[in-house]
C-alpha atoms as a PDB file:
ATOM      1  CA  MET A   1       0.000   0.000   0.000  1.00  0.00           C
ATOM      2  CA  SER A   2       1.153   3.541  -0.614  1.00  0.00           C
ATOM      3  CA  ASP A   3       1.840   6.133   2.044  1.00  0.00           C
ATOM      4  CA  LYS A   4      -0.093   8.838   0.175  1.00  0.00           C
ATOM      5  CA  LYS A   5      -2.753  10.606   2.156  1.00  0.00           C
ATOM      6  CA  LYS A   6      -6.152  11.086   0.579  1.00  0.00           C
ATOM      7  CA  PRO A   7      -6.914  14.739  -0.144  1.00  0.00           C
ATOM      8  CA  GLU A   8      -9.569  16.378   1.967  1.00  0.00           C
ATOM      9  CA  GLY A   9     -12.968  17.017   0.368  1.00  0.00           C
ATOM     10  CA  LEU A  10     -14.689  15.241  -2.476  1.00  0.00           C
ATOM     11  CA  ASP A  11     -12.912  12.953  -4.861  1.00  0.00           C
ATOM     12  CA  ARG A  12     -14.100  12.539  -8.433  1.00  0.00           C
ATOM     13  CA  ARG A  13     -16.567   9.752  -7.638  1.00  0.00           C
ATOM     14  CA  GLY A  14     -17.962  11.595  -4.641  1.00  0.00           C
ATOM     15  CA  PHE A  15     -18.371  14.740  -6.727  1.00  0.00           C
ATOM     16  CA  LEU A  16     -20.243  12.896  -9.473  1.00  0.00           C
ATOM     17  CA  ARG A  17     -22.426  11.139  -6.896  1.00  0.00           C
ATOM     18  CA  ALA A  18     -23.303  14.511  -5.310  1.00  0.00           C
ATOM     19  CA  MET A  19     -24.089  16.018  -8.723  1.00  0.00           C
ATOM     20  CA  GLY A  20     -26.418  13.101  -9.503  1.00  0.00           C
ATOM     21  CA  ALA A  21     -28.244  13.539  -6.209  1.00  0.00           C
ATOM     22  CA  GLY A  22     -28.575  17.282  -6.848  1.00  0.00           C
ATOM     23  CA  ALA A  23     -30.000  16.655 -10.315  1.00  0.00           C
ATOM     24  CA  ALA A  24     -32.557  14.219  -8.889  1.00  0.00           C
ATOM     25  CA  VAL A  25     -33.702  16.774  -6.319  1.00  0.00           C
ATOM     26  CA  THR A  26     -33.888  19.498  -8.961  1.00  0.00           C
ATOM     27  CA  ALA A  27     -35.955  17.282 -11.259  1.00  0.00           C
ATOM     28  CA  ALA A  28     -38.396  16.454  -8.450  1.00  0.00           C
ATOM     29  CA  VAL A  29     -39.116  20.086  -7.535  1.00  0.00           C
ATOM     30  CA  PRO A  30     -41.382  20.937 -10.537  1.00  0.00           C
ATOM     31  CA  LEU A  31     -43.431  17.814  -9.888  1.00  0.00           C
ATOM     32  CA  THR A  32     -44.384  19.043  -6.429  1.00  0.00           C
ATOM     33  CA  ALA A  33     -45.159  22.637  -7.432  1.00  0.00           C
ATOM     34  CA  THR A  34     -48.707  23.966  -7.256  1.00  0.00           C
ATOM     35  CA  GLU A  35     -50.608  25.289 -10.228  1.00  0.00           C
ATOM     36  CA  ALA A  36     -49.888  28.899 -11.161  1.00  0.00           C
ATOM     37  CA  GLN A  37     -52.723  31.388 -11.163  1.00  0.00           C
ATOM     38  CA  ALA A  38     -53.090  34.305 -13.551  1.00  0.00           C
ATOM     39  CA  MET A  39     -52.797  37.808 -12.164  1.00  0.00           C
ATOM     40  CA  LYS A  40     -55.605  40.222 -12.936  1.00  0.00           C
ATOM     41  CA  PRO A  41     -54.039  43.539 -13.960  1.00  0.00           C
ATOM     42  CA  PRO A  42     -55.227  46.464 -11.858  1.00  0.00           C
ATOM     43  CA  GLY A  43     -56.981  49.439 -13.426  1.00  0.00           C
ATOM     44  CA  ASP A  44     -56.672  50.223 -17.129  1.00  0.00           C
ATOM     45  CA  GLU A  45     -53.807  47.807 -17.853  1.00  0.00           C
ATOM     46  CA  GLY A  46     -56.226  45.229 -19.232  1.00  0.00           C
ATOM     47  CA  LYS A  47     -57.774  47.600 -21.784  1.00  0.00           C
ATOM     48  CA  ALA A  48     -56.634  47.739 -25.379  1.00  0.00           C
ATOM     49  CA  ARG A  49     -54.333  50.649 -26.193  1.00  0.00           C
ATOM     50  CA  TYR A  50     -54.639  50.412 -29.960  1.00  0.00           C
ATOM     51  CA  ARG A  51     -56.621  53.155 -31.664  1.00  0.00           C
ATOM     52  CA  GLU A  52     -57.091  53.447 -35.404  1.00  0.00           C
ATOM     53  CA  SER A  53     -56.262  57.144 -35.703  1.00  0.00           C
ATOM     54  CA  GLU A  54     -55.662  59.158 -38.880  1.00  0.00           C
ATOM     55  CA  HIS A  55     -51.916  58.456 -39.020  1.00  0.00           C
ATOM     56  CA  VAL A  56     -52.581  54.720 -38.620  1.00  0.00           C
ATOM     57  CA  LYS A  57     -55.126  54.832 -41.453  1.00  0.00           C
ATOM     58  CA  THR A  58     -52.582  56.704 -43.621  1.00  0.00           C
ATOM     59  CA  PHE A  59     -49.967  54.057 -42.855  1.00  0.00           C
ATOM     60  CA  TYR A  60     -52.389  51.313 -43.916  1.00  0.00           C
ATOM     61  CA  LYS A  61     -53.253  53.173 -47.112  1.00  0.00           C
ATOM     62  CA  VAL A  62     -49.591  53.803 -48.052  1.00  0.00           C
ATOM     63  CA  ASN A  63     -48.558  50.216 -47.349  1.00  0.00           C
ATOM     64  CA  ARG A  64     -51.682  48.772 -48.993  1.00  0.00           C
ATOM     65  CA  TYR A  65     -53.004  46.811 -46.022  1.00  0.00           C
END
């Protein structure tokens, strides 16, 4: 047997084992999440902002829409 001391911390196999365990935990998180709910915008944010004004009509006419 050799007289070399093992380095402190993770070796390559331990590192890969820890990465695999971390990936498994990360993959399991979305499965346990609850369903997202839509936010209702306050005030006038939900209203349409588009208005067909004269310059918009001119643009349509020039570009043959």
